[in-house]
Amino acid sequence: MSQLEAKIKVAIVVAQKARDEQTLSVLRMLISAIRNQAISLRQGDAVLLSDEQVEQVIRSEVKRRLDSVSAFTQGHRPELAAKEQTEANMLAAYLPVGMSEAEVEALVRRVHTSKPEAAFGQVMGAVMAEAKGRADGNLVGRLVKQIMAE
């Protein structure tokens, strides 16, 4: 079991003792998603996910909630959008702090100057590999296009 997964399980116990049904529900769903990911990766023996893989599952769940927020907002269902936003915030608390726009821009500039003749995809790939999930792909893409156009 990864350290992050252990931290989530401890939070489940705390939520149970506090009788916080909403937090408990969200964290149980997250553990279920982590187990499902481990099962899907298994080929024979049991597979334990690393912290990085658990973070990917959490990011996926956060993204799912944020997509729901936009759908509920467009559908004029603010109460459901608020619920999904709250869940996304709860899940995001288990992710490492992301990179700021200034940090991403500095990284993009460094990668672009080290590979001045590289194509968009090569720069994007290098930046995303270095950021390792701490930077939003849309932000990186926008900054790469902007910097390459300079």
C-alpha atoms as a PDB file:
ATOM      1  CA  MET A   1       0.000   0.000   0.000  1.00  0.00           C
ATOM      2  CA  SER A   2       1.332   3.415  -0.919  1.00  0.00           C
ATOM      3  CA  GLN A   3       1.774   6.160   1.662  1.00  0.00           C
ATOM      4  CA  LEU A   4      -0.925   8.224  -0.009  1.00  0.00           C
ATOM      5  CA  GLU A   5      -3.391   5.345   0.081  1.00  0.00           C
ATOM      6  CA  ALA A   6      -2.585   4.808   3.773  1.00  0.00           C
ATOM      7  CA  LYS A   7      -3.189   8.505   4.417  1.00  0.00           C
ATOM      8  CA  ILE A   8      -6.605   8.237   2.727  1.00  0.00           C
ATOM      9  CA  LYS A   9      -7.522   5.199   4.823  1.00  0.00           C
ATOM     10  CA  VAL A  10      -6.593   7.074   8.007  1.00  0.00           C
ATOM     11  CA  ALA A  11      -8.804   9.948   6.842  1.00  0.00           C
ATOM     12  CA  ILE A  12     -11.666   7.456   6.376  1.00  0.00           C
ATOM     13  CA  VAL A  13     -11.342   6.362  10.003  1.00  0.00           C
ATOM     14  CA  VAL A  14     -11.301  10.001  11.134  1.00  0.00           C
ATOM     15  CA  ALA A  15     -14.413  10.732   9.040  1.00  0.00           C
ATOM     16  CA  GLN A  16     -16.148   7.673  10.495  1.00  0.00           C
ATOM     17  CA  LYS A  17     -15.436   8.799  14.043  1.00  0.00           C
ATOM     18  CA  ALA A  18     -16.594  12.345  13.228  1.00  0.00           C
ATOM     19  CA  ARG A  19     -19.703  10.956  11.494  1.00  0.00           C
ATOM     20  CA  ASP A  20     -18.903  13.095   8.448  1.00  0.00           C
ATOM     21  CA  GLU A  21     -20.985  11.246   5.870  1.00  0.00           C
ATOM     22  CA  GLN A  22     -20.024  13.392   2.874  1.00  0.00           C
ATOM     23  CA  THR A  23     -16.269  13.065   3.426  1.00  0.00           C
ATOM     24  CA  LEU A  24     -16.668   9.384   4.218  1.00  0.00           C
ATOM     25  CA  SER A  25     -18.593   8.791   0.996  1.00  0.00           C
ATOM     26  CA  VAL A  26     -16.038  10.634  -1.152  1.00  0.00           C
ATOM     27  CA  LEU A  27     -13.053   8.857   0.415  1.00  0.00           C
ATOM     28  CA  ARG A  28     -14.672   5.433   0.143  1.00  0.00           C
ATOM     29  CA  MET A  29     -15.333   6.130  -3.537  1.00  0.00           C
ATOM     30  CA  LEU A  30     -11.683   7.105  -3.933  1.00  0.00           C
ATOM     31  CA  ILE A  31     -10.435   3.894  -2.296  1.00  0.00           C
ATOM     32  CA  SER A  32     -12.771   1.966  -4.590  1.00  0.00           C
ATOM     33  CA  ALA A  33     -11.336   3.755  -7.647  1.00  0.00           C
ATOM     34  CA  ILE A  34      -7.802   2.977  -6.441  1.00  0.00           C
ATOM     35  CA  ARG A  35      -8.682  -0.706  -5.997  1.00  0.00           C
ATOM     36  CA  ASN A  36     -10.290  -0.814  -9.445  1.00  0.00           C
ATOM     37  CA  GLN A  37      -7.126   0.653 -10.970  1.00  0.00           C
ATOM     38  CA  ALA A  38      -4.994  -1.944  -9.153  1.00  0.00           C
ATOM     39  CA  ILE A  39      -7.255  -4.723 -10.429  1.00  0.00           C
ATOM     40  CA  SER A  40      -7.097  -3.429 -13.989  1.00  0.00           C
ATOM     41  CA  LEU A  41      -3.280  -3.390 -13.841  1.00  0.00           C
ATOM     42  CA  ARG A  42      -3.044  -6.856 -12.332  1.00  0.00           C
ATOM     43  CA  GLN A  43      -1.805  -9.677 -14.490  1.00  0.00           C
ATOM     44  CA  GLY A  44      -1.452 -12.630 -12.202  1.00  0.00           C
ATOM     45  CA  ASP A  45      -0.322 -11.580  -8.734  1.00  0.00           C
ATOM     46  CA  ALA A  46      -1.741  -8.653  -6.791  1.00  0.00           C
ATOM     47  CA  VAL A  47      -0.521  -5.221  -7.808  1.00  0.00           C
ATOM     48  CA  LEU A  48       0.093  -2.469  -5.298  1.00  0.00           C
ATOM     49  CA  LEU A  49      -0.091   1.013  -6.737  1.00  0.00           C
ATOM     50  CA  SER A  50       2.691   3.514  -6.192  1.00  0.00           C
ATOM     51  CA  ASP A  51       2.013   7.006  -4.875  1.00  0.00           C
ATOM     52  CA  GLU A  52       2.348   8.305  -8.433  1.00  0.00           C
ATOM     53  CA  GLN A  53      -0.317   5.899  -9.699  1.00  0.00           C
ATOM     54  CA  VAL A  54      -2.621   6.788  -6.801  1.00  0.00           C
ATOM     55  CA  GLU A  55      -2.139  10.475  -7.670  1.00  0.00           C
ATOM     56  CA  GLN A  56      -3.190   9.691 -11.249  1.00  0.00           C
ATOM     57  CA  VAL A  57      -6.381   8.078  -9.961  1.00  0.00           C
ATOM     58  CA  ILE A  58      -7.093  11.112  -7.767  1.00  0.00           C
ATOM     59  CA  ARG A  59      -6.455  13.484 -10.694  1.00  0.00           C
ATOM     60  CA  SER A  60      -8.852  11.456 -12.805  1.00  0.00           C
ATOM     61  CA  GLU A  61     -11.549  11.648 -10.130  1.00  0.00           C
ATOM     62  CA  VAL A  62     -11.001  15.399  -9.674  1.00  0.00           C
ATOM     63  CA  LYS A  63     -11.272  15.915 -13.426  1.00  0.00           C
ATOM     64  CA  ARG A  64     -14.469  13.862 -13.500  1.00  0.00           C
ATOM     65  CA  ARG A  65     -15.954  16.084 -10.776  1.00  0.00           C
ATOM     66  CA  LEU A  66     -14.903  19.297 -12.523  1.00  0.00           C
ATOM     67  CA  ASP A  67     -16.471  18.083 -15.775  1.00  0.00           C
ATOM     68  CA  SER A  68     -19.667  17.439 -13.835  1.00  0.00           C
ATOM     69  CA  VAL A  69     -19.510  20.933 -12.346  1.00  0.00           C
ATOM     70  CA  SER A  70     -19.465  22.497 -15.803  1.00  0.00           C
ATOM     71  CA  ALA A  71     -22.255  20.204 -17.028  1.00  0.00           C
ATOM     72  CA  PHE A  72     -24.459  20.979 -14.012  1.00  0.00           C
ATOM     73  CA  THR A  73     -23.744  24.684 -14.323  1.00  0.00           C
ATOM     74  CA  GLN A  74     -24.792  24.657 -17.975  1.00  0.00           C
ATOM     75  CA  GLY A  75     -27.864  22.638 -17.016  1.00  0.00           C
ATOM     76  CA  HIS A  76     -28.863  25.269 -14.419  1.00  0.00           C
ATOM     77  CA  ARG A  77     -28.374  22.890 -11.482  1.00  0.00           C
ATOM     78  CA  PRO A  78     -26.234  24.993  -9.093  1.00  0.00           C
ATOM     79  CA  GLU A  79     -26.918  22.741  -6.071  1.00  0.00           C
ATOM     80  CA  LEU A  80     -25.441  19.707  -7.870  1.00  0.00           C
ATOM     81  CA  ALA A  81     -22.561  21.791  -9.238  1.00  0.00           C
ATOM     82  CA  ALA A  82     -21.745  22.947  -5.702  1.00  0.00           C
ATOM     83  CA  LYS A  83     -21.788  19.347  -4.428  1.00  0.00           C
ATOM     84  CA  GLU A  84     -19.420  18.207  -7.192  1.00  0.00           C
ATOM     85  CA  GLN A  85     -17.126  21.203  -6.593  1.00  0.00           C
ATOM     86  CA  THR A  86     -16.950  20.346  -2.884  1.00  0.00           C
ATOM     87  CA  GLU A  87     -16.027  16.760  -3.713  1.00  0.00           C
ATOM     88  CA  ALA A  88     -13.368  17.924  -6.195  1.00  0.00           C
ATOM     89  CA  ASN A  89     -11.864  20.165  -3.508  1.00  0.00           C
ATOM     90  CA  MET A  90     -11.826  17.276  -1.009  1.00  0.00           C
ATOM     91  CA  LEU A  91     -10.019  15.043  -3.487  1.00  0.00           C
ATOM     92  CA  ALA A  92      -7.593  17.758  -4.605  1.00  0.00           C
ATOM     93  CA  ALA A  93      -6.392  18.058  -1.011  1.00  0.00           C
ATOM     94  CA  TYR A  94      -4.627  14.702  -1.484  1.00  0.00           C
ATOM     95  CA  LEU A  95      -2.667  15.900  -4.514  1.00  0.00           C
ATOM     96  CA  PRO A  96       0.708  17.621  -4.332  1.00  0.00           C
ATOM     97  CA  VAL A  97       0.668  21.356  -4.885  1.00  0.00           C
ATOM     98  CA  GLY A  98       0.654  22.114  -8.593  1.00  0.00           C
ATOM     99  CA  MET A  99       3.010  24.415 -10.385  1.00  0.00           C
ATOM    100  CA  SER A 100       2.085  28.082 -10.716  1.00  0.00           C
ATOM    101  CA  GLU A 101       1.744  29.655 -14.151  1.00  0.00           C
ATOM    102  CA  ALA A 102       5.067  31.450 -13.656  1.00  0.00           C
ATOM    103  CA  GLU A 103       6.823  28.174 -12.805  1.00  0.00           C
ATOM    104  CA  VAL A 104       5.319  26.465 -15.855  1.00  0.00           C
ATOM    105  CA  GLU A 105       6.340  29.377 -18.062  1.00  0.00           C
ATOM    106  CA  ALA A 106       9.920  29.235 -16.752  1.00  0.00           C
ATOM    107  CA  LEU A 107      10.014  25.483 -17.402  1.00  0.00           C
ATOM    108  CA  VAL A 108       8.651  25.905 -20.938  1.00  0.00           C
ATOM    109  CA  ARG A 109      11.211  28.634 -21.688  1.00  0.00           C
ATOM    110  CA  ARG A 110      14.058  26.467 -20.361  1.00  0.00           C
ATOM    111  CA  VAL A 111      12.983  23.446 -22.404  1.00  0.00           C
ATOM    112  CA  HIS A 112      12.419  25.550 -25.526  1.00  0.00           C
ATOM    113  CA  THR A 113      15.859  27.199 -25.291  1.00  0.00           C
ATOM    114  CA  SER A 114      17.519  23.810 -24.813  1.00  0.00           C
ATOM    115  CA  LYS A 115      15.681  22.503 -27.926  1.00  0.00           C
ATOM    116  CA  PRO A 116      15.214  25.566 -30.160  1.00  0.00           C
ATOM    117  CA  GLU A 117      14.441  23.541 -33.298  1.00  0.00           C
ATOM    118  CA  ALA A 118      12.045  21.137 -31.596  1.00  0.00           C
ATOM    119  CA  ALA A 119       8.457  20.848 -32.761  1.00  0.00           C
ATOM    120  CA  PHE A 120       5.461  21.669 -30.566  1.00  0.00           C
ATOM    121  CA  GLY A 121       4.889  18.035 -29.599  1.00  0.00           C
ATOM    122  CA  GLN A 122       8.497  17.501 -28.584  1.00  0.00           C
ATOM    123  CA  VAL A 123       8.500  20.576 -26.341  1.00  0.00           C
ATOM    124  CA  MET A 124       5.114  19.604 -24.860  1.00  0.00           C
ATOM    125  CA  GLY A 125       6.314  16.069 -24.167  1.00  0.00           C
ATOM    126  CA  ALA A 126       9.498  17.252 -22.497  1.00  0.00           C
ATOM    127  CA  VAL A 127       7.674  19.797 -20.337  1.00  0.00           C
ATOM    128  CA  MET A 128       4.929  17.365 -19.302  1.00  0.00           C
ATOM    129  CA  ALA A 129       7.511  14.691 -18.468  1.00  0.00           C
ATOM    130  CA  GLU A 130       9.407  17.129 -16.291  1.00  0.00           C
ATOM    131  CA  ALA A 131       6.262  18.504 -14.616  1.00  0.00           C
ATOM    132  CA  LYS A 132       5.018  14.929 -13.893  1.00  0.00           C
ATOM    133  CA  GLY A 133       1.364  15.782 -13.435  1.00  0.00           C
ATOM    134  CA  ARG A 134       1.911  18.968 -11.436  1.00  0.00           C
ATOM    135  CA  ALA A 135       0.976  21.177 -14.398  1.00  0.00           C
ATOM    136  CA  ASP A 136      -2.271  21.412 -16.332  1.00  0.00           C
ATOM    137  CA  GLY A 137      -1.864  20.246 -19.932  1.00  0.00           C
ATOM    138  CA  ASN A 138      -4.043  23.056 -21.302  1.00  0.00           C
ATOM    139  CA  LEU A 139      -1.889  25.673 -19.572  1.00  0.00           C
ATOM    140  CA  VAL A 140       1.303  24.035 -20.814  1.00  0.00           C
ATOM    141  CA  GLY A 141      -0.044  23.863 -24.373  1.00  0.00           C
ATOM    142  CA  ARG A 142      -1.059  27.522 -24.342  1.00  0.00           C
ATOM    143  CA  LEU A 143       2.343  28.613 -22.989  1.00  0.00           C
ATOM    144  CA  VAL A 144       4.279  26.421 -25.437  1.00  0.00           C
ATOM    145  CA  LYS A 145       2.369  27.937 -28.369  1.00  0.00           C
ATOM    146  CA  GLN A 146       2.894  31.442 -26.998  1.00  0.00           C
ATOM    147  CA  ILE A 147       6.610  30.992 -26.375  1.00  0.00           C
ATOM    148  CA  MET A 148       7.272  29.213 -29.673  1.00  0.00           C
ATOM    149  CA  ALA A 149       5.533  32.072 -31.520  1.00  0.00           C
ATOM    150  CA  GLU A 150       7.898  34.665 -29.982  1.00  0.00           C
END
